[in-house]
Amino acid sequence: MEISLQFDHHYKVEEIWGTAGYPNATRKIFYPGASEKGGKDGHLLKIIPATGETWIGSFAPFHPKSNFASRVMSCPDPNAICVISSGAGYIVRTDNPSDWQAIPSIPVCDARSVLDKHLLVFSDFTNLVAYGAEGLKWKSPQVSSDGIRIINIADGQIAAEGWDAAQRKKIRISVDAEDGSVLSGSTP
C-alpha cells in the first residue's frame, strides 16, 4: 500500500500485517463503522497520533481482488488521515478514530493531493469529489459514463479523461478545483 503524506500531519502511520505482539489494550477499530467489536478485515494500519493513544485500523476493501486504488494520504486537516482500501475510501480523525466518514466516490479509482488549494480530489466511474480541511467541499456533476483518470492539476483546474458511452469514445474534461464545475468537455 502506497503511503503519501504530502500535507502537514500530526501523526505517524505504518502498514502492519497482523496484530500479534501488540498489547491487548491497543484499540483495534474496524471501518466502515468504527467498531471495536469486530468487522470486515482489511488493510491494517498502526496510527500514532500526536496526542492520544496508538490504535490499529482495519480498513475494509470495496473489492478485495480488484485493481482499485489502495493508498494512505494525509489530509488538509493535519489530524485526519485518508485511507483507500481497494477502492473504498475513508477519512478518519487520528486523534478521535470514532470520527470518520466514507468518501462518496464508490469505488475510488484515483486520488490526488492538491497542495496549493488544500484539497484531496477523488474520482470514481462518473464524478469527481473534493475534500478540504472542513470535510466534503464539492462533488462534480457527472463527467463520464465509465471511469475517470485524473491527468493533471494546474492553474486551479483538474484535467481528467473519461469515457462517453453515447459517443463511444474517450473524452477530456476540465473541472474547476474551487467548486467542481465543468469548465470544458462534454458531460454524458
N, C-alpha and C. Protein backbone atom coordinates (compact mmCIF):
# COMPACT_ATOMS: atom_id res chain seq x y z
N MET A 1 0.85 -1.17 0.00
CA MET A 1 0.00 0.00 0.00
C MET A 1 0.90 1.23 0.00
N GLU A 2 0.64 2.14 -0.93
CA GLU A 2 1.41 3.38 -1.02
C GLU A 2 1.01 4.32 0.12
N ILE A 3 2.01 4.95 0.73
CA ILE A 3 1.76 5.96 1.77
C ILE A 3 2.32 7.28 1.26
N SER A 4 1.43 8.27 1.09
CA SER A 4 1.79 9.58 0.56
C SER A 4 1.32 10.67 1.53
N LEU A 5 2.26 11.20 2.29
CA LEU A 5 1.93 12.19 3.32
C LEU A 5 2.44 13.56 2.88
N GLN A 6 1.76 14.16 1.91
CA GLN A 6 2.20 15.43 1.34
C GLN A 6 1.75 16.64 2.16
N PHE A 7 0.59 16.56 2.80
CA PHE A 7 0.13 17.66 3.66
C PHE A 7 0.79 17.53 5.02
N ASP A 8 0.91 18.67 5.74
CA ASP A 8 1.38 18.62 7.12
C ASP A 8 0.44 17.69 7.89
N HIS A 9 1.00 16.90 8.80
CA HIS A 9 0.18 15.95 9.55
C HIS A 9 0.75 15.78 10.95
N HIS A 10 -0.16 15.47 11.90
CA HIS A 10 0.22 15.34 13.31
C HIS A 10 0.06 13.89 13.76
N TYR A 11 0.63 12.98 13.05
CA TYR A 11 0.55 11.55 13.37
C TYR A 11 1.62 10.81 12.58
N LYS A 12 1.84 9.57 12.99
CA LYS A 12 2.67 8.64 12.24
C LYS A 12 1.77 7.49 11.84
N VAL A 13 2.08 6.86 10.72
CA VAL A 13 1.29 5.74 10.24
C VAL A 13 2.23 4.71 9.61
N GLU A 14 1.90 3.45 9.83
CA GLU A 14 2.65 2.39 9.16
C GLU A 14 1.71 1.21 8.89
N GLU A 15 1.94 0.58 7.76
CA GLU A 15 1.16 -0.61 7.43
C GLU A 15 1.72 -1.77 8.23
N ILE A 16 0.82 -2.59 8.77
CA ILE A 16 1.24 -3.78 9.50
C ILE A 16 0.54 -4.99 8.89
N TRP A 17 1.02 -6.17 9.20
CA TRP A 17 0.49 -7.39 8.57
C TRP A 17 -0.28 -8.27 9.53
N GLY A 18 -0.37 -7.86 10.78
CA GLY A 18 -1.11 -8.61 11.78
C GLY A 18 -1.03 -7.88 13.11
N THR A 19 -1.82 -8.34 14.06
CA THR A 19 -1.85 -7.67 15.36
C THR A 19 -1.18 -8.48 16.46
N ALA A 20 -0.63 -9.64 16.12
CA ALA A 20 0.09 -10.44 17.12
C ALA A 20 1.28 -9.63 17.62
N GLY A 21 1.48 -9.66 18.91
CA GLY A 21 2.59 -8.94 19.51
C GLY A 21 2.23 -7.55 20.01
N TYR A 22 1.03 -7.08 19.64
CA TYR A 22 0.58 -5.78 20.17
C TYR A 22 -0.14 -6.02 21.48
N PRO A 23 0.02 -5.12 22.43
CA PRO A 23 -0.67 -5.30 23.72
C PRO A 23 -2.19 -5.38 23.51
N ASN A 24 -2.86 -6.20 24.34
CA ASN A 24 -4.31 -6.34 24.24
C ASN A 24 -5.03 -5.01 24.43
N ALA A 25 -4.38 -4.07 25.10
CA ALA A 25 -5.00 -2.77 25.34
C ALA A 25 -5.01 -1.88 24.10
N THR A 26 -4.24 -2.24 23.07
CA THR A 26 -4.21 -1.43 21.85
C THR A 26 -5.55 -1.55 21.15
N ARG A 27 -6.20 -0.40 20.93
CA ARG A 27 -7.50 -0.39 20.28
C ARG A 27 -7.37 -0.86 18.83
N LYS A 28 -8.26 -1.77 18.42
CA LYS A 28 -8.35 -2.18 17.02
C LYS A 28 -9.74 -1.75 16.56
N ILE A 29 -9.77 -0.92 15.52
CA ILE A 29 -11.01 -0.33 15.07
C ILE A 29 -11.26 -0.74 13.62
N PHE A 30 -12.47 -1.22 13.35
CA PHE A 30 -12.85 -1.71 12.02
C PHE A 30 -13.66 -0.64 11.29
N TYR A 31 -13.28 -0.39 10.03
CA TYR A 31 -14.00 0.53 9.17
C TYR A 31 -14.50 -0.23 7.95
N PRO A 32 -15.75 0.05 7.51
CA PRO A 32 -16.61 1.13 7.99
C PRO A 32 -17.23 0.80 9.34
N GLY A 33 -17.69 1.84 9.99
CA GLY A 33 -18.41 1.70 11.24
C GLY A 33 -17.67 2.16 12.47
N ALA A 34 -16.35 2.16 12.44
CA ALA A 34 -15.54 2.49 13.62
C ALA A 34 -15.90 1.60 14.80
N SER A 35 -16.09 0.30 14.52
CA SER A 35 -16.47 -0.66 15.55
C SER A 35 -15.22 -1.25 16.21
N GLU A 36 -15.27 -1.38 17.51
CA GLU A 36 -14.20 -2.07 18.23
C GLU A 36 -14.60 -3.50 18.56
N LYS A 37 -15.81 -3.90 18.16
CA LYS A 37 -16.30 -5.25 18.44
C LYS A 37 -16.03 -6.20 17.30
N GLY A 38 -15.61 -5.69 16.17
CA GLY A 38 -15.32 -6.54 15.03
C GLY A 38 -15.91 -5.96 13.76
N GLY A 39 -15.51 -6.53 12.67
CA GLY A 39 -15.98 -6.07 11.37
C GLY A 39 -15.25 -6.82 10.29
N LYS A 40 -15.37 -6.32 9.10
CA LYS A 40 -14.73 -6.94 7.94
C LYS A 40 -13.23 -6.64 7.97
N ASP A 41 -12.42 -7.67 7.77
CA ASP A 41 -10.97 -7.47 7.74
C ASP A 41 -10.58 -6.67 6.51
N GLY A 42 -9.48 -5.95 6.64
CA GLY A 42 -8.98 -5.14 5.53
C GLY A 42 -7.53 -4.78 5.76
N HIS A 43 -7.09 -3.73 5.09
CA HIS A 43 -5.72 -3.25 5.29
C HIS A 43 -5.55 -2.82 6.74
N LEU A 44 -4.46 -3.23 7.34
CA LEU A 44 -4.17 -2.89 8.74
C LEU A 44 -3.14 -1.78 8.80
N LEU A 45 -3.47 -0.74 9.57
CA LEU A 45 -2.57 0.38 9.75
C LEU A 45 -2.41 0.67 11.24
N LYS A 46 -1.18 0.91 11.67
CA LYS A 46 -0.93 1.37 13.03
C LYS A 46 -0.84 2.89 12.96
N ILE A 47 -1.69 3.56 13.74
CA ILE A 47 -1.77 5.01 13.76
C ILE A 47 -1.26 5.50 15.11
N ILE A 48 -0.31 6.42 15.08
CA ILE A 48 0.24 7.01 16.30
C ILE A 48 -0.04 8.52 16.23
N PRO A 49 -1.15 8.96 16.86
CA PRO A 49 -1.47 10.39 16.82
C PRO A 49 -0.51 11.19 17.71
N ALA A 50 -0.39 12.48 17.43
CA ALA A 50 0.46 13.36 18.24
C ALA A 50 -0.05 13.41 19.68
N THR A 51 -1.37 13.37 19.85
CA THR A 51 -1.96 13.31 21.18
C THR A 51 -2.92 12.14 21.22
N GLY A 52 -2.92 11.42 22.30
CA GLY A 52 -3.82 10.28 22.42
C GLY A 52 -3.09 8.96 22.24
N GLU A 53 -3.87 7.90 22.28
CA GLU A 53 -3.34 6.53 22.25
C GLU A 53 -3.11 6.03 20.82
N THR A 54 -2.10 5.19 20.68
CA THR A 54 -1.89 4.48 19.42
C THR A 54 -3.06 3.53 19.20
N TRP A 55 -3.48 3.40 17.95
CA TRP A 55 -4.58 2.48 17.63
C TRP A 55 -4.29 1.81 16.29
N ILE A 56 -4.99 0.70 16.07
CA ILE A 56 -4.85 -0.05 14.82
C ILE A 56 -6.18 0.02 14.08
N GLY A 57 -6.11 0.40 12.82
CA GLY A 57 -7.31 0.46 11.99
C GLY A 57 -7.30 -0.67 10.99
N SER A 58 -8.47 -1.34 10.85
CA SER A 58 -8.67 -2.34 9.82
C SER A 58 -9.66 -1.76 8.82
N PHE A 59 -9.20 -1.47 7.62
CA PHE A 59 -9.99 -0.75 6.62
C PHE A 59 -10.46 -1.72 5.54
N ALA A 60 -11.77 -2.00 5.56
CA ALA A 60 -12.36 -2.98 4.63
C ALA A 60 -12.25 -2.48 3.20
N PRO A 61 -11.97 -3.39 2.27
CA PRO A 61 -11.87 -3.01 0.86
C PRO A 61 -13.26 -2.91 0.22
N PHE A 62 -13.32 -2.14 -0.87
CA PHE A 62 -14.52 -2.14 -1.71
C PHE A 62 -14.64 -3.50 -2.37
N HIS A 63 -13.55 -3.93 -2.96
CA HIS A 63 -13.48 -5.26 -3.59
C HIS A 63 -12.06 -5.77 -3.42
N PRO A 64 -11.87 -6.80 -2.60
CA PRO A 64 -10.51 -7.21 -2.23
C PRO A 64 -9.65 -7.72 -3.39
N LYS A 65 -10.25 -8.23 -4.44
CA LYS A 65 -9.45 -8.79 -5.54
C LYS A 65 -9.54 -7.91 -6.77
N SER A 66 -9.48 -6.60 -6.55
CA SER A 66 -9.61 -5.67 -7.66
C SER A 66 -8.31 -4.90 -7.86
N ASN A 67 -8.27 -4.15 -8.92
CA ASN A 67 -7.14 -3.27 -9.18
C ASN A 67 -7.44 -1.84 -8.76
N PHE A 68 -8.47 -1.65 -7.93
CA PHE A 68 -8.80 -0.31 -7.48
C PHE A 68 -7.69 0.20 -6.56
N ALA A 69 -7.67 1.52 -6.39
CA ALA A 69 -6.63 2.18 -5.61
C ALA A 69 -6.57 1.68 -4.18
N SER A 70 -5.34 1.56 -3.66
CA SER A 70 -5.07 1.32 -2.24
C SER A 70 -3.94 2.26 -1.85
N ARG A 71 -4.26 3.18 -0.95
CA ARG A 71 -3.29 4.23 -0.65
C ARG A 71 -3.65 4.89 0.67
N VAL A 72 -2.64 5.41 1.35
CA VAL A 72 -2.82 6.22 2.55
C VAL A 72 -2.33 7.62 2.20
N MET A 73 -3.16 8.63 2.53
CA MET A 73 -2.80 10.00 2.21
C MET A 73 -3.06 10.90 3.42
N SER A 74 -2.21 11.91 3.58
CA SER A 74 -2.51 12.92 4.59
C SER A 74 -3.60 13.82 4.01
N CYS A 75 -4.28 14.53 4.90
CA CYS A 75 -5.42 15.37 4.52
C CYS A 75 -5.08 16.84 4.77
N PRO A 76 -5.88 17.75 4.21
CA PRO A 76 -5.69 19.16 4.55
C PRO A 76 -5.84 19.43 6.05
N ASP A 77 -6.66 18.65 6.75
CA ASP A 77 -6.75 18.71 8.21
C ASP A 77 -5.58 17.89 8.75
N PRO A 78 -4.63 18.49 9.47
CA PRO A 78 -3.43 17.77 9.89
C PRO A 78 -3.68 16.62 10.88
N ASN A 79 -4.89 16.53 11.44
CA ASN A 79 -5.23 15.44 12.35
C ASN A 79 -6.04 14.35 11.68
N ALA A 80 -6.26 14.45 10.37
CA ALA A 80 -7.05 13.46 9.66
C ALA A 80 -6.17 12.68 8.69
N ILE A 81 -6.59 11.44 8.46
CA ILE A 81 -5.89 10.57 7.53
C ILE A 81 -6.91 10.03 6.53
N CYS A 82 -6.47 9.87 5.29
CA CYS A 82 -7.31 9.27 4.25
C CYS A 82 -6.75 7.89 3.95
N VAL A 83 -7.62 6.88 4.00
CA VAL A 83 -7.22 5.52 3.66
C VAL A 83 -8.12 5.04 2.54
N ILE A 84 -7.50 4.57 1.46
CA ILE A 84 -8.23 3.98 0.35
C ILE A 84 -7.83 2.51 0.31
N SER A 85 -8.82 1.64 0.51
CA SER A 85 -8.59 0.20 0.61
C SER A 85 -9.29 -0.49 -0.55
N SER A 86 -8.53 -0.80 -1.59
CA SER A 86 -9.08 -1.46 -2.79
C SER A 86 -10.38 -0.80 -3.25
N GLY A 87 -10.34 0.54 -3.34
CA GLY A 87 -11.47 1.30 -3.86
C GLY A 87 -12.42 1.88 -2.82
N ALA A 88 -12.35 1.44 -1.57
CA ALA A 88 -13.20 2.01 -0.50
C ALA A 88 -12.40 3.13 0.17
N GLY A 89 -13.00 4.32 0.27
CA GLY A 89 -12.29 5.45 0.83
C GLY A 89 -12.83 5.88 2.17
N TYR A 90 -11.91 6.19 3.10
CA TYR A 90 -12.26 6.60 4.45
C TYR A 90 -11.42 7.81 4.85
N ILE A 91 -12.03 8.75 5.55
CA ILE A 91 -11.29 9.84 6.19
C ILE A 91 -11.57 9.73 7.67
N VAL A 92 -10.50 9.66 8.47
CA VAL A 92 -10.61 9.39 9.91
C VAL A 92 -9.77 10.40 10.67
N ARG A 93 -10.32 10.91 11.77
CA ARG A 93 -9.55 11.75 12.68
C ARG A 93 -8.61 10.83 13.46
N THR A 94 -7.32 11.07 13.37
CA THR A 94 -6.36 10.19 14.05
C THR A 94 -6.41 10.35 15.57
N ASP A 95 -6.81 11.52 16.05
CA ASP A 95 -6.90 11.77 17.48
C ASP A 95 -8.28 11.41 18.06
N ASN A 96 -9.21 11.01 17.19
CA ASN A 96 -10.55 10.58 17.61
C ASN A 96 -11.08 9.62 16.54
N PRO A 97 -10.60 8.37 16.53
CA PRO A 97 -10.89 7.46 15.42
C PRO A 97 -12.36 7.07 15.27
N SER A 98 -13.21 7.43 16.23
CA SER A 98 -14.64 7.18 16.03
C SER A 98 -15.25 8.27 15.15
N ASP A 99 -14.52 9.34 14.88
CA ASP A 99 -14.95 10.42 13.99
C ASP A 99 -14.41 10.13 12.59
N TRP A 100 -15.26 9.58 11.75
CA TRP A 100 -14.82 9.16 10.42
C TRP A 100 -15.96 9.37 9.42
N GLN A 101 -15.62 9.31 8.15
CA GLN A 101 -16.63 9.35 7.10
C GLN A 101 -16.15 8.56 5.90
N ALA A 102 -17.10 7.99 5.18
CA ALA A 102 -16.80 7.29 3.94
C ALA A 102 -16.76 8.31 2.82
N ILE A 103 -15.79 8.21 1.95
CA ILE A 103 -15.69 9.10 0.80
C ILE A 103 -16.76 8.68 -0.20
N PRO A 104 -17.59 9.64 -0.67
CA PRO A 104 -18.68 9.28 -1.57
C PRO A 104 -18.26 9.08 -3.02
N SER A 105 -17.11 8.51 -3.23
CA SER A 105 -16.66 8.04 -4.54
C SER A 105 -16.57 6.54 -4.42
N ILE A 106 -17.46 5.84 -5.12
CA ILE A 106 -17.52 4.39 -4.96
C ILE A 106 -17.48 3.73 -6.33
N PRO A 107 -16.43 3.02 -6.63
CA PRO A 107 -15.17 2.90 -5.89
C PRO A 107 -14.26 4.07 -6.20
N VAL A 108 -13.31 4.33 -5.31
CA VAL A 108 -12.30 5.34 -5.60
C VAL A 108 -11.38 4.76 -6.66
N CYS A 109 -11.34 5.41 -7.81
CA CYS A 109 -10.48 4.97 -8.91
C CYS A 109 -9.15 5.71 -8.94
N ASP A 110 -9.17 6.96 -8.47
CA ASP A 110 -7.96 7.78 -8.47
C ASP A 110 -8.08 8.78 -7.32
N ALA A 111 -6.95 9.23 -6.81
CA ALA A 111 -6.93 10.22 -5.72
C ALA A 111 -5.68 11.05 -5.86
N ARG A 112 -5.83 12.36 -5.65
CA ARG A 112 -4.69 13.27 -5.75
C ARG A 112 -4.75 14.34 -4.67
N SER A 113 -3.58 14.75 -4.22
CA SER A 113 -3.44 15.89 -3.32
C SER A 113 -3.26 17.14 -4.16
N VAL A 114 -3.99 18.20 -3.83
CA VAL A 114 -3.83 19.49 -4.48
C VAL A 114 -3.34 20.44 -3.39
N LEU A 115 -2.04 20.52 -3.24
CA LEU A 115 -1.44 21.22 -2.11
C LEU A 115 -1.78 22.70 -2.09
N ASP A 116 -1.71 23.38 -3.24
CA ASP A 116 -1.95 24.82 -3.25
C ASP A 116 -3.40 25.19 -2.98
N LYS A 117 -4.33 24.27 -3.18
CA LYS A 117 -5.75 24.51 -2.90
C LYS A 117 -6.19 23.84 -1.60
N HIS A 118 -5.29 23.11 -0.95
CA HIS A 118 -5.60 22.38 0.29
C HIS A 118 -6.78 21.44 0.08
N LEU A 119 -6.67 20.60 -0.96
CA LEU A 119 -7.74 19.66 -1.31
C LEU A 119 -7.19 18.27 -1.53
N LEU A 120 -8.04 17.28 -1.27
CA LEU A 120 -7.86 15.93 -1.78
C LEU A 120 -8.96 15.75 -2.82
N VAL A 121 -8.60 15.26 -3.99
CA VAL A 121 -9.57 15.05 -5.06
C VAL A 121 -9.62 13.56 -5.38
N PHE A 122 -10.85 13.04 -5.47
CA PHE A 122 -11.08 11.62 -5.74
C PHE A 122 -11.93 11.48 -6.99
N SER A 123 -11.73 10.39 -7.70
CA SER A 123 -12.61 10.09 -8.83
C SER A 123 -13.16 8.68 -8.67
N ASP A 124 -14.39 8.51 -9.17
CA ASP A 124 -14.97 7.17 -9.30
C ASP A 124 -15.24 6.97 -10.78
N PHE A 125 -16.27 6.23 -11.15
CA PHE A 125 -16.55 5.99 -12.56
C PHE A 125 -17.15 7.20 -13.26
N THR A 126 -17.88 8.06 -12.52
CA THR A 126 -18.65 9.11 -13.18
C THR A 126 -18.41 10.53 -12.66
N ASN A 127 -17.88 10.69 -11.44
CA ASN A 127 -17.77 12.00 -10.82
C ASN A 127 -16.40 12.22 -10.18
N LEU A 128 -16.15 13.48 -9.84
CA LEU A 128 -15.01 13.87 -9.02
C LEU A 128 -15.55 14.43 -7.71
N VAL A 129 -14.81 14.23 -6.63
CA VAL A 129 -15.19 14.71 -5.30
C VAL A 129 -13.96 15.34 -4.68
N ALA A 130 -14.15 16.45 -3.94
CA ALA A 130 -13.02 17.11 -3.28
C ALA A 130 -13.31 17.31 -1.80
N TYR A 131 -12.27 17.11 -0.99
CA TYR A 131 -12.31 17.35 0.45
C TYR A 131 -11.29 18.43 0.81
N GLY A 132 -11.72 19.35 1.68
CA GLY A 132 -10.82 20.35 2.24
C GLY A 132 -10.65 20.08 3.73
N ALA A 133 -10.10 21.04 4.45
CA ALA A 133 -9.83 20.87 5.88
C ALA A 133 -11.11 20.67 6.69
N GLU A 134 -12.24 21.19 6.22
CA GLU A 134 -13.51 21.06 6.95
C GLU A 134 -14.35 19.88 6.48
N GLY A 135 -13.84 19.10 5.54
CA GLY A 135 -14.59 17.94 5.04
C GLY A 135 -14.95 18.08 3.58
N LEU A 136 -16.07 17.47 3.18
CA LEU A 136 -16.50 17.47 1.78
C LEU A 136 -16.69 18.91 1.30
N LYS A 137 -15.99 19.26 0.22
CA LYS A 137 -16.08 20.62 -0.32
C LYS A 137 -17.02 20.67 -1.52
N TRP A 138 -16.90 19.70 -2.43
CA TRP A 138 -17.79 19.67 -3.59
C TRP A 138 -17.80 18.29 -4.24
N LYS A 139 -18.85 18.07 -5.01
CA LYS A 139 -18.96 16.89 -5.86
C LYS A 139 -19.35 17.40 -7.24
N SER A 140 -18.60 17.00 -8.25
CA SER A 140 -18.86 17.47 -9.60
C SER A 140 -20.14 16.85 -10.15
N PRO A 141 -20.69 17.46 -11.20
CA PRO A 141 -21.76 16.75 -11.91
C PRO A 141 -21.14 15.53 -12.60
N GLN A 142 -21.96 14.68 -13.16
CA GLN A 142 -21.44 13.52 -13.89
C GLN A 142 -20.61 14.02 -15.07
N VAL A 143 -19.37 13.55 -15.14
CA VAL A 143 -18.48 13.98 -16.22
C VAL A 143 -18.02 12.83 -17.10
N SER A 144 -18.42 11.62 -16.78
CA SER A 144 -18.00 10.45 -17.54
C SER A 144 -19.06 9.37 -17.41
N SER A 145 -19.13 8.51 -18.41
CA SER A 145 -20.04 7.37 -18.34
C SER A 145 -19.41 6.21 -17.58
N ASP A 146 -18.08 6.09 -17.67
CA ASP A 146 -17.42 4.95 -17.04
C ASP A 146 -15.93 5.20 -16.92
N GLY A 147 -15.50 5.51 -15.73
CA GLY A 147 -14.07 5.61 -15.45
C GLY A 147 -13.51 7.00 -15.68
N ILE A 148 -12.86 7.53 -14.66
CA ILE A 148 -12.20 8.83 -14.76
C ILE A 148 -10.76 8.65 -14.29
N ARG A 149 -9.88 9.17 -15.10
CA ARG A 149 -8.46 9.18 -14.74
C ARG A 149 -8.02 10.64 -14.68
N ILE A 150 -7.52 11.05 -13.51
CA ILE A 150 -7.03 12.42 -13.35
C ILE A 150 -5.69 12.51 -14.05
N ILE A 151 -5.59 13.46 -14.97
CA ILE A 151 -4.37 13.60 -15.77
C ILE A 151 -3.43 14.64 -15.20
N ASN A 152 -4.00 15.81 -14.84
CA ASN A 152 -3.17 16.91 -14.39
C ASN A 152 -3.99 17.86 -13.53
N ILE A 153 -3.31 18.52 -12.60
CA ILE A 153 -3.93 19.56 -11.80
C ILE A 153 -3.00 20.76 -11.83
N ALA A 154 -3.48 21.84 -12.43
CA ALA A 154 -2.67 23.05 -12.55
C ALA A 154 -3.57 24.25 -12.77
N ASP A 155 -3.12 25.41 -12.32
CA ASP A 155 -3.83 26.67 -12.55
C ASP A 155 -5.28 26.60 -12.11
N GLY A 156 -5.55 25.90 -11.00
CA GLY A 156 -6.90 25.83 -10.46
C GLY A 156 -7.85 24.94 -11.24
N GLN A 157 -7.31 24.12 -12.14
CA GLN A 157 -8.14 23.23 -12.95
C GLN A 157 -7.68 21.78 -12.80
N ILE A 158 -8.65 20.90 -12.81
CA ILE A 158 -8.38 19.47 -12.77
C ILE A 158 -8.69 18.91 -14.15
N ALA A 159 -7.67 18.43 -14.83
CA ALA A 159 -7.85 17.83 -16.15
C ALA A 159 -7.99 16.32 -15.97
N ALA A 160 -9.00 15.76 -16.60
CA ALA A 160 -9.26 14.33 -16.46
C ALA A 160 -9.68 13.75 -17.81
N GLU A 161 -9.58 12.44 -17.86
CA GLU A 161 -10.02 11.71 -19.05
C GLU A 161 -11.09 10.72 -18.61
N GLY A 162 -12.15 10.63 -19.39
CA GLY A 162 -13.24 9.72 -19.08
C GLY A 162 -13.75 9.03 -20.33
N TRP A 163 -14.89 8.37 -20.20
CA TRP A 163 -15.49 7.66 -21.31
C TRP A 163 -16.91 8.17 -21.52
N ASP A 164 -17.23 8.50 -22.75
CA ASP A 164 -18.59 8.91 -23.10
C ASP A 164 -19.22 7.74 -23.86
N ALA A 165 -20.15 7.05 -23.20
CA ALA A 165 -20.76 5.85 -23.80
C ALA A 165 -21.58 6.20 -25.04
N ALA A 166 -22.27 7.33 -25.02
CA ALA A 166 -23.10 7.71 -26.17
C ALA A 166 -22.26 7.93 -27.42
N GLN A 167 -21.09 8.55 -27.22
CA GLN A 167 -20.20 8.82 -28.36
C GLN A 167 -19.21 7.67 -28.60
N ARG A 168 -19.18 6.74 -27.66
CA ARG A 168 -18.25 5.60 -27.70
C ARG A 168 -16.81 6.03 -27.92
N LYS A 169 -16.39 6.98 -27.08
CA LYS A 169 -15.00 7.45 -27.18
C LYS A 169 -14.55 8.06 -25.86
N LYS A 170 -13.23 8.16 -25.72
CA LYS A 170 -12.65 8.84 -24.57
C LYS A 170 -12.88 10.33 -24.74
N ILE A 171 -13.09 11.00 -23.60
CA ILE A 171 -13.26 12.45 -23.61
C ILE A 171 -12.33 13.09 -22.60
N ARG A 172 -12.00 14.34 -22.84
CA ARG A 172 -11.21 15.13 -21.90
C ARG A 172 -12.13 16.11 -21.21
N ILE A 173 -11.95 16.28 -19.91
CA ILE A 173 -12.78 17.15 -19.11
C ILE A 173 -11.87 18.04 -18.29
N SER A 174 -12.30 19.27 -18.06
CA SER A 174 -11.60 20.17 -17.16
C SER A 174 -12.61 20.66 -16.13
N VAL A 175 -12.25 20.53 -14.84
CA VAL A 175 -13.13 20.88 -13.74
C VAL A 175 -12.45 21.93 -12.89
N ASP A 176 -13.22 22.92 -12.42
CA ASP A 176 -12.71 23.96 -11.54
C ASP A 176 -12.40 23.36 -10.16
N ALA A 177 -11.17 23.54 -9.69
CA ALA A 177 -10.76 22.97 -8.39
C ALA A 177 -11.46 23.65 -7.21
N GLU A 178 -11.99 24.85 -7.40
CA GLU A 178 -12.66 25.57 -6.32
C GLU A 178 -14.05 25.04 -6.02
N ASP A 179 -14.81 24.69 -7.09
CA ASP A 179 -16.22 24.33 -6.87
C ASP A 179 -16.69 23.08 -7.63
N GLY A 180 -15.83 22.46 -8.41
CA GLY A 180 -16.20 21.25 -9.13
C GLY A 180 -17.01 21.47 -10.39
N SER A 181 -17.20 22.72 -10.80
CA SER A 181 -17.96 22.98 -12.03
C SER A 181 -17.14 22.58 -13.25
N VAL A 182 -17.83 22.15 -14.30
CA VAL A 182 -17.18 21.72 -15.53
C VAL A 182 -16.80 22.96 -16.33
N LEU A 183 -15.50 23.07 -16.64
CA LEU A 183 -15.01 24.22 -17.40
C LEU A 183 -14.96 23.93 -18.89
N SER A 184 -14.62 22.69 -19.23
CA SER A 184 -14.61 22.31 -20.65
C SER A 184 -14.81 20.80 -20.76
N GLY A 185 -15.22 20.39 -21.94
CA GLY A 185 -15.53 18.99 -22.17
C GLY A 185 -17.02 18.78 -22.02
N SER A 186 -17.48 17.73 -22.61
CA SER A 186 -18.92 17.45 -22.54
C SER A 186 -19.21 16.54 -21.38
N THR A 187 -20.43 16.61 -20.89
CA THR A 187 -20.86 15.69 -19.84
C THR A 187 -21.86 14.71 -20.44
N PRO A 188 -21.72 13.44 -20.11
CA PRO A 188 -22.63 12.42 -20.67
C PRO A 188 -24.06 12.64 -20.21
